[in-house]
Protein backbone atom coordinates (compact mmCIF):
# COMPACT_ATOMS: atom_id res chain seq x y z
CA UNK A 1 150.96 122.65 106.41
CA UNK A 2 151.00 118.76 106.79
CA UNK A 3 149.03 116.79 104.68
CA UNK A 4 147.36 115.14 107.25
CA UNK A 5 146.34 118.83 109.13
CA UNK A 6 145.23 119.93 105.51
CA UNK A 7 143.07 116.87 105.08
CA UNK A 8 141.44 117.45 108.47
CA UNK A 9 140.63 120.89 107.69
CA UNK A 10 138.36 119.86 104.66
CA UNK A 11 136.01 118.78 106.76
CA UNK A 12 132.67 119.96 106.23
CA UNK A 13 131.25 122.13 109.37
CA UNK A 14 128.12 120.38 108.71
CA UNK A 15 129.41 117.17 109.93
CA UNK A 16 129.98 118.73 113.27
CA UNK A 17 126.51 118.98 113.87
CA UNK A 18 125.96 115.26 114.65
CA UNK A 19 128.48 114.94 116.85
CA UNK A 20 128.27 118.14 119.18
CA UNK A 21 130.20 119.43 122.59
CA UNK A 22 128.23 118.08 125.36
CA UNK A 23 128.89 118.65 129.33
CA UNK A 24 128.53 121.80 131.78
CA UNK A 25 131.37 124.15 133.29
CA UNK A 26 131.51 122.19 136.75
CA UNK A 27 132.43 118.80 137.17
CA UNK A 28 132.04 118.79 140.65
CA UNK A 29 135.51 116.82 140.64
CA UNK A 30 137.73 117.69 143.99
CA UNK A 31 141.27 118.26 142.66
CA UNK A 32 144.37 118.86 144.95
CA UNK A 33 145.37 122.51 144.97
CA UNK A 34 148.91 121.33 144.88
CA UNK A 35 147.98 119.60 141.51
CA UNK A 36 146.83 122.80 140.12
CA UNK A 37 149.84 124.81 141.47
CA UNK A 38 152.07 122.47 139.64
CA UNK A 39 150.55 122.88 136.47
CA UNK A 40 150.67 126.50 136.52
CA UNK A 41 154.02 126.81 134.75
CA UNK A 42 156.64 129.51 133.49
CA UNK A 43 158.34 127.48 130.66
CA UNK A 44 157.13 125.35 127.58
CA UNK A 45 158.52 121.97 127.40
CA UNK A 46 161.58 121.21 125.15
CA UNK A 47 160.79 120.07 121.91
CA UNK A 48 156.96 121.71 121.88
CA UNK A 49 156.62 122.96 118.38
CA UNK A 50 154.05 126.12 119.43
CA UNK A 51 151.05 126.78 116.83
CA UNK A 52 149.90 130.04 118.89
CA UNK A 53 146.27 130.24 117.99
CA UNK A 54 144.46 133.32 119.43
CA UNK A 55 140.78 132.12 121.13
CA UNK A 56 138.99 135.50 121.29
CA UNK A 57 140.97 138.25 122.83
CA UNK A 58 141.49 136.35 126.15
CA UNK A 59 143.28 133.23 125.33
CA UNK A 60 146.22 131.59 123.19
CA UNK A 61 146.29 128.01 122.53
CA UNK A 62 150.22 127.68 122.64
CA UNK A 63 150.30 123.73 121.43
CA UNK A 64 150.65 120.42 123.22
CA UNK A 65 152.77 117.24 123.84
CA UNK A 66 151.67 113.78 123.23
CA UNK A 67 152.86 110.70 125.38
CA UNK A 68 151.89 107.18 125.74
CA UNK A 69 150.90 105.80 129.14
CA UNK A 70 151.86 102.59 130.03
CA UNK A 71 150.31 100.05 132.76
CA UNK A 72 152.33 101.01 135.12
CA UNK A 73 151.29 104.70 134.71
CA UNK A 74 154.64 105.74 133.15
CA UNK A 75 154.50 108.27 130.31
CA UNK A 76 156.82 107.90 127.27
CA UNK A 77 157.04 109.91 123.90
CA UNK A 78 154.26 108.79 121.51
CA UNK A 79 154.58 107.89 117.88
CA UNK A 80 151.67 106.13 116.12
CA UNK A 81 149.22 104.69 118.77
CA UNK A 82 146.73 102.01 118.63
CA UNK A 83 143.09 101.80 118.87
CA UNK A 84 142.73 101.18 122.71
CA UNK A 85 146.16 102.81 123.70
CA UNK A 86 146.08 105.16 126.58
CA UNK A 87 147.59 108.51 125.63
CA UNK A 88 148.27 112.00 127.09
CA UNK A 89 147.86 115.31 125.79
CA UNK A 90 149.12 118.06 127.56
CA UNK A 91 147.59 121.29 126.19
CA UNK A 92 149.57 124.64 127.04
CA UNK A 93 147.03 127.55 127.59
CA UNK A 94 148.38 131.12 127.41
CA UNK A 95 146.16 133.59 129.38
CA UNK A 96 145.85 137.06 127.81
CA UNK A 97 143.30 138.52 129.90
CA UNK A 98 140.42 136.75 132.19
CA UNK A 99 138.03 134.72 130.26
CA UNK A 100 135.37 135.03 133.02
CA UNK A 101 132.53 132.98 134.14
CA UNK A 102 130.30 131.36 131.55
CA UNK A 103 132.85 129.20 129.64
CA UNK A 104 134.62 125.98 129.53
CA UNK A 105 136.97 123.79 127.71
CA UNK A 106 136.08 121.48 125.08
CA UNK A 107 138.00 118.80 123.57
CA UNK A 108 136.95 116.32 120.76
CA UNK A 109 138.48 113.53 118.70
CA UNK A 110 137.49 112.76 114.93
CA UNK A 111 138.22 110.24 112.30
CA UNK A 112 138.39 110.63 108.66
CA UNK A 113 135.34 112.16 107.01
CA UNK A 114 132.23 109.96 106.59
CA UNK A 115 133.12 107.53 109.43
CA UNK A 116 131.59 107.54 112.72
CA UNK A 117 135.07 107.66 114.56
CA UNK A 118 134.38 110.31 117.46
CA UNK A 119 135.29 110.76 120.92
CA UNK A 120 133.87 113.79 123.07
CA UNK A 121 136.34 114.07 125.94
CA UNK A 122 135.87 114.85 129.34
CA UNK A 123 137.07 117.32 131.35
CA UNK A 124 140.66 117.01 132.55
CA UNK A 125 141.72 117.33 136.08
CA UNK A 126 143.09 120.66 135.43
CA UNK A 127 139.79 121.79 133.90
CA UNK A 128 137.74 120.50 136.86
CA UNK A 129 140.05 122.38 139.37
CA UNK A 130 141.25 125.39 137.57
CA UNK A 131 138.66 126.02 134.73
CA UNK A 132 138.37 128.89 132.61
CA UNK A 133 136.42 131.41 135.07
CA UNK A 134 139.60 130.91 137.58
CA UNK A 135 142.03 131.79 134.63
CA UNK A 136 144.20 135.17 135.29
CA UNK A 137 145.78 136.92 133.03
CA UNK A 138 149.51 136.10 132.42
CA UNK A 139 149.13 132.26 133.29
CA UNK A 140 150.47 129.65 131.14
CA UNK A 141 148.32 126.60 132.00
CA UNK A 142 150.04 122.84 131.56
CA UNK A 143 146.59 120.76 131.01
CA UNK A 144 147.04 117.16 131.09
CA UNK A 145 144.20 115.17 129.37
CA UNK A 146 144.31 111.37 129.33
CA UNK A 147 142.84 110.01 126.46
CA UNK A 148 141.73 105.91 125.94
CA UNK A 149 141.57 105.65 122.43
CA UNK A 150 138.44 103.88 121.37
CA UNK A 151 139.34 100.10 120.62
CA UNK A 152 136.94 100.26 117.69
CA UNK A 153 138.44 103.20 116.25
CA UNK A 154 138.86 102.31 112.35
CA UNK A 155 140.32 105.61 110.76
CA UNK A 156 144.02 105.77 110.22
CA UNK A 157 144.35 109.29 112.11
CA UNK A 158 142.48 110.93 114.86
CA UNK A 159 142.11 114.72 115.01
CA UNK A 160 142.02 116.69 118.27
CA UNK A 161 140.13 119.94 118.31
CA UNK A 162 139.97 122.00 121.35
CA UNK A 163 138.34 125.48 122.51
CA UNK A 164 135.99 127.25 124.83
CA UNK A 165 132.25 127.14 124.77
CA UNK A 166 129.73 128.68 126.37
CA UNK A 167 128.22 126.26 129.55
CA UNK A 168 125.43 124.62 128.85
CA UNK A 169 125.41 125.27 125.02
CA UNK A 170 126.38 122.73 122.24
CA UNK A 171 126.62 124.19 118.80
CA UNK A 172 129.52 125.62 116.55
CA UNK A 173 128.06 129.42 116.86
CA UNK A 174 128.50 128.64 120.91
CA UNK A 175 132.18 128.74 120.92
CA UNK A 176 134.56 131.61 121.55
CA UNK A 177 136.00 132.20 117.93
CA UNK A 178 139.59 130.43 117.48
CA UNK A 179 141.03 132.20 114.59
CA UNK A 180 144.36 131.38 112.27
CA UNK A 181 145.54 128.40 109.85
CA UNK A 182 145.01 125.79 112.55
CA UNK A 183 141.55 126.09 113.17
CA UNK A 184 137.87 124.86 111.59
CA UNK A 185 134.40 125.74 112.79
CA UNK A 186 135.85 128.26 115.52
CA UNK A 187 137.86 125.37 116.90
CA UNK A 188 141.59 124.81 117.45
CA UNK A 189 143.04 121.51 115.20
CA UNK A 190 145.53 121.00 117.95
CA UNK A 191 146.89 117.91 116.82
CA UNK A 192 146.51 115.13 114.02
CA UNK A 193 147.72 111.59 115.67
CA UNK A 194 148.57 108.98 113.62
CA UNK A 195 146.94 105.64 114.28
CA UNK A 196 148.52 102.15 113.65
CA UNK A 197 145.55 100.06 112.68
CA UNK A 198 147.65 97.23 112.39
CA UNK A 199 147.85 97.03 116.32
CA UNK A 200 144.25 97.48 116.87
CA UNK A 201 142.53 94.99 119.04
CA UNK A 202 140.99 91.87 117.10
CA UNK A 203 137.41 91.73 116.35
CA UNK A 204 135.75 88.98 118.59
CA UNK A 205 136.70 85.23 117.53
CA UNK A 206 140.11 86.69 116.29
CA UNK A 207 143.47 86.32 118.39
CA UNK A 208 146.83 88.22 117.24
CA UNK A 209 149.49 86.08 118.19
CA UNK A 210 152.80 87.99 118.75
CA UNK A 211 156.29 86.49 117.86
CA UNK A 212 158.23 85.36 120.93
CA UNK A 213 160.42 88.06 122.10
CA UNK A 214 163.16 85.47 123.07
CA UNK A 215 163.75 81.44 123.36
CA UNK A 216 161.49 79.26 125.35
CA UNK A 217 162.57 76.31 127.04
CA UNK A 218 159.90 73.45 127.06
CA UNK A 219 159.60 72.64 130.86
CA UNK A 220 155.87 73.07 131.90
CA UNK A 221 156.69 76.61 133.52
CA UNK A 222 155.84 79.96 131.72
CA UNK A 223 159.07 81.73 133.13
CA UNK A 224 160.47 83.24 130.03
CA UNK A 225 159.85 86.84 129.12
CA UNK A 226 158.36 85.89 125.81
CA UNK A 227 155.42 84.35 127.82
CA UNK A 228 154.72 87.83 129.30
CA UNK A 229 154.01 89.03 125.32
CA UNK A 230 152.37 85.99 124.35
CA UNK A 231 148.44 86.07 123.28
CA UNK A 232 146.48 85.38 126.54
CA UNK A 233 143.06 83.97 126.53
CA UNK A 234 140.31 84.95 129.00
CA UNK A 235 139.14 82.48 131.38
CA UNK A 236 138.33 79.30 128.80
CA UNK A 237 134.34 79.36 128.27
CA UNK A 238 132.40 76.56 128.96
CA UNK A 239 130.76 74.51 126.09
CA UNK A 240 127.48 74.79 125.39
CA UNK A 241 125.61 71.58 126.93
CA UNK A 242 128.55 71.17 129.37
CA UNK A 243 128.45 71.52 132.98
CA UNK A 244 131.33 74.08 134.29
CA UNK A 245 134.63 72.28 134.61
CA UNK A 246 136.21 72.33 138.14
CA UNK A 247 138.30 75.51 138.35
CA UNK A 248 139.46 77.81 135.70
CA UNK A 249 141.78 77.54 132.81
CA UNK A 250 143.69 79.84 130.80
CA UNK A 251 145.93 79.53 127.66
CA UNK A 252 148.68 81.60 125.84
CA UNK A 253 149.78 81.48 122.47
CA UNK A 254 153.36 82.64 120.78
CA UNK A 255 155.55 81.28 117.96
CA UNK A 256 159.12 81.47 116.46
CA UNK A 257 161.07 80.32 113.36
CA UNK A 258 160.76 76.54 114.73
CA UNK A 259 157.53 76.24 116.81
CA UNK A 260 154.25 77.19 117.73
CA UNK A 261 154.09 77.41 121.51
CA UNK A 262 150.98 77.17 123.69
CA UNK A 263 150.78 76.95 127.51
CA UNK A 264 147.85 76.09 129.38
CA UNK A 265 147.39 76.85 133.17
CA UNK A 266 144.43 74.82 134.82
CA UNK A 267 143.28 74.97 138.19
CA UNK A 268 141.67 71.63 139.38
CA UNK A 269 140.75 70.28 142.66
CA UNK A 270 141.04 66.87 141.32
CA UNK A 271 143.30 66.26 138.55
CA UNK A 272 142.49 62.95 137.07
CA UNK A 273 144.02 60.59 134.33
CA UNK A 274 144.93 56.67 134.36
CA UNK A 275 146.39 57.29 130.88
CA UNK A 276 150.33 57.47 130.53
CA UNK A 277 151.09 55.96 127.16
CA UNK A 278 151.13 58.05 123.85
CA UNK A 279 148.29 57.78 121.69
CA UNK A 280 146.20 56.43 124.73
CA UNK A 281 142.33 58.03 124.25
CA UNK A 282 143.36 60.79 126.64
CA UNK A 283 140.36 62.56 125.59
CA UNK A 284 138.14 60.33 127.93
CA UNK A 285 139.83 61.96 130.94
CA UNK A 286 141.52 65.45 132.09
CA UNK A 287 143.50 66.70 129.18
CA UNK A 288 143.88 69.58 126.56
CA UNK A 289 143.61 69.48 123.04
CA UNK A 290 144.33 71.69 120.18
CA UNK A 291 142.90 71.66 116.95
CA UNK A 292 144.52 73.23 113.99
CA UNK A 293 143.50 74.06 110.45
CA UNK A 294 146.40 76.04 109.04
CA UNK A 295 144.99 76.53 105.52
CA UNK A 296 141.32 77.58 106.78
CA UNK A 297 139.91 75.69 104.36
CA UNK A 298 137.28 73.59 106.69
CA UNK A 299 139.21 70.27 105.83
CA UNK A 300 142.46 68.82 106.31
CA UNK A 301 143.44 69.36 109.95
CA UNK A 302 145.35 68.12 113.28
CA UNK A 303 144.38 67.08 116.63
CA UNK A 304 146.84 67.21 119.28
CA UNK A 305 146.38 66.48 122.87
CA UNK A 306 148.50 66.18 126.24
CA UNK A 307 147.26 65.09 129.67
CA UNK A 308 148.49 65.66 133.18
CA UNK A 309 150.72 62.70 132.92
CA UNK A 310 152.28 64.19 129.91
CA UNK A 311 151.12 61.82 127.64
CA UNK A 312 150.50 62.72 124.05
CA UNK A 313 148.09 61.99 121.48
CA UNK A 314 147.98 63.31 117.87
CA UNK A 315 145.56 62.38 114.90
CA UNK A 316 145.68 63.80 111.16
CA UNK A 317 141.96 64.26 109.75
CA UNK A 318 142.11 64.09 106.11
CA UNK A 319 138.74 65.94 105.23
CA UNK A 320 136.45 66.27 108.57
CA UNK A 321 135.72 63.96 111.70
CA UNK A 322 133.27 62.29 109.58
CA UNK A 323 136.17 59.93 108.80
CA UNK A 324 138.40 58.70 111.51
CA UNK A 325 141.38 60.27 112.42
CA UNK A 326 145.03 58.93 111.23
CA UNK A 327 146.61 58.16 114.75
CA UNK A 328 149.65 56.29 113.13
CA UNK A 329 150.57 60.19 111.69
CA UNK A 330 152.94 61.47 114.30
CA UNK A 331 153.18 65.42 115.29
CA UNK A 332 156.81 65.35 116.90
CA UNK A 333 155.41 68.09 119.35
CA UNK A 334 157.37 68.65 122.37
CA UNK A 335 155.39 68.81 125.85
CA UNK A 336 156.27 69.39 129.71
CA UNK A 337 153.90 69.13 132.39
CA UNK A 338 153.93 70.38 136.02
CA UNK A 339 151.34 68.86 138.47
CA UNK A 340 150.13 70.96 141.39
CA UNK A 341 149.41 67.96 143.60
CA UNK A 342 150.51 64.57 144.51
CA UNK A 343 148.66 62.32 142.10
CA UNK A 344 146.38 62.16 138.88
CA UNK A 345 144.87 58.75 140.00
CA UNK A 346 143.90 59.00 143.60
CA UNK A 347 140.56 61.10 144.04
CA UNK A 348 141.36 63.08 147.32
CA UNK A 349 145.40 63.90 146.56
CA UNK A 350 145.35 67.70 147.61
CA UNK A 351 145.47 68.63 143.85
CA UNK A 352 145.13 72.42 142.68
CA UNK A 353 145.92 72.06 139.30
CA UNK A 354 148.21 71.53 136.45
CA UNK A 355 150.33 73.28 133.75
CA UNK A 356 151.44 72.16 130.30
CA UNK A 357 153.73 73.56 127.72
CA UNK A 358 153.70 72.67 124.24
CA UNK A 359 156.15 73.28 121.32
CA UNK A 360 154.42 72.21 117.63
CA UNK A 361 156.93 72.02 114.65
CA UNK A 362 155.86 73.89 112.10
CA UNK A 363 155.53 70.68 109.58
CA UNK A 364 153.25 69.00 111.83
CA UNK A 365 150.63 71.27 110.88
CA UNK A 366 150.30 69.58 107.51
CA UNK A 367 149.57 66.59 108.86
CA UNK A 368 149.93 64.11 105.73
CA UNK A 369 149.21 66.78 103.27
CA UNK A 370 152.69 68.01 101.97
CA UNK A 371 150.86 69.97 99.53
CA UNK A 372 149.27 72.14 101.85
CA UNK A 373 149.13 75.81 100.84
CA UNK A 374 150.44 77.54 104.16
CA UNK A 375 153.63 79.58 104.92
CA UNK A 376 155.93 77.54 107.06
CA UNK A 377 157.06 79.23 109.15
CA UNK A 378 154.18 81.48 108.96
CA UNK A 379 154.60 85.09 108.02
CA UNK A 380 153.28 88.19 109.65
CA UNK A 381 149.75 88.83 108.76
CA UNK A 382 149.29 85.03 107.95
CA UNK A 383 145.85 83.78 109.08
CA UNK A 384 144.80 80.30 110.61
CA UNK A 385 141.90 78.55 112.19
CA UNK A 386 142.90 77.15 115.53
CA UNK A 387 140.93 76.20 118.90
CA UNK A 388 142.08 75.13 122.46
CA UNK A 389 139.92 72.79 124.54
CA UNK A 390 140.36 71.87 128.04
CA UNK A 391 138.37 68.44 129.10
CA UNK A 392 137.66 67.83 132.70
CA UNK A 393 136.40 64.49 134.19
CA UNK A 394 136.09 64.24 137.71
CA UNK A 395 137.54 60.61 139.25
CA UNK A 396 135.25 58.11 138.92
CA UNK A 397 132.85 60.02 136.54
CA UNK A 398 132.56 58.94 132.94
CA UNK A 399 130.68 62.28 131.90
CA UNK A 400 133.59 64.91 130.45
CA UNK A 401 133.00 68.58 130.76
CA UNK A 402 134.77 71.02 128.47
CA UNK A 403 135.85 74.45 128.05
CA UNK A 404 137.63 76.49 125.13
CA UNK A 405 139.23 79.72 124.01
CA UNK A 406 136.51 80.09 120.95
CA UNK A 407 133.45 78.72 122.47
CA UNK A 408 132.18 75.21 121.37
CA UNK A 409 129.46 72.65 121.83
CA UNK A 410 129.70 69.74 124.00
CA UNK A 411 128.42 67.53 121.15
CA UNK A 412 131.48 68.62 119.07
CA UNK A 413 134.90 69.71 120.26
CA UNK A 414 136.37 69.66 116.64
CA UNK A 415 133.50 72.22 115.27
CA UNK A 416 135.58 73.60 112.49
CA UNK A 417 133.25 76.37 112.09
CA UNK A 418 134.25 77.64 115.64
CA UNK A 419 138.03 77.70 115.80
CA UNK A 420 139.67 81.02 116.35
CA UNK A 421 140.71 83.04 113.48
CA UNK A 422 144.77 83.22 114.38
CA UNK A 423 146.66 85.97 113.02
CA UNK A 424 150.67 86.02 113.22
CA UNK A 425 151.92 89.49 114.72
CA UNK A 426 155.53 90.55 115.05
CA UNK A 427 157.23 90.96 118.48
CA UNK A 428 155.40 94.22 118.83
CA UNK A 429 152.02 92.89 118.12
CA UNK A 430 151.84 94.70 114.72
CA UNK A 431 149.75 92.12 111.87
CA UNK A 432 151.31 94.32 109.30
CA UNK A 433 153.39 92.44 106.94
CA UNK A 434 156.93 93.82 106.61
CA UNK A 435 157.38 95.52 103.02
CA UNK A 436 158.96 93.57 100.30
CA UNK A 437 162.63 94.45 99.68
């Protein structure tokens, strides 16, 4: 018996009373008879390791397979899964003799003892279209059940329990008895699933930034495959006290050994900026701003800006913005802009928006503090503070509007306490640091 399975079996029966089976025998869901016929099989899939747990004297729970389901609906063999993943468990039931009416299948996921991690799983299509009341002696049933693991799952394992329970009842004593070594509280311990918590979705205000999967050319277009796996923002959120900017904006972040990369795509019917020189006051008209506090100490940070004319601005703040920034400092960032429109100076120019691509050399995040305690390039698992802001000013208007990845106020775009917590991840999105050699 595996260590994980043994651990699952020591869960006290009392713990089950707080999280009970619910549901009825009929879901009302219509299932195509062809689907049912296809899932009445004659052989087990290659590689399945039977556990053959008797349930009463009527059914044997043979075992199951586990696959991960992609966004495209494709299934692949699953190793450890992450919170938020969609997996497919296919149960195999062998009917010894008819179960009869009054019974339904139940399935539960439980986390480690003394945690709140629990999921009561809804009926599968096979359970809806060919439930226990229809099971016939000799049938081998392939019962595919899709499970979206809760994004807030925090246990390192998820133990799957299945069995049969009387319709309308919820207690342990209402289950048809499952017997043998793979059982607990009259239920089958069907599988212990390993959970990779290093790939769990980040909490609010935190972003996991994957390492780039390939090279990136700074040309103002997110055309490389590396941008497909980058961290992606929701629509940037309007700053408190600001009117909504014209159109939406979205951002992406990724990194490699040379640069931190940002890409921002902005929808705007009036792209406007007269500034075309380095270190012009770009913030007075349309631009994108980045603020980076790499050592997370709330002082000593850099501000970087790019506008639709591909003009740039960079400044180093030794402490906070209470003291003016040092605009003589140079970041060495690389930028490119693609304008979707005719001009940045005419109000009626058939604009639809603009895209900006930025590569920030790692040394730039230290500003003038050569002794800043930060790994450059960062290591997987390192945490920084960062925010990205879009400024929008309509032609002829002096009042800027703003939106940002992590919400700010109109009164303070710098707002160090409102920056994102950025965690650097590997190409797979894992934030677990590699073991030391």
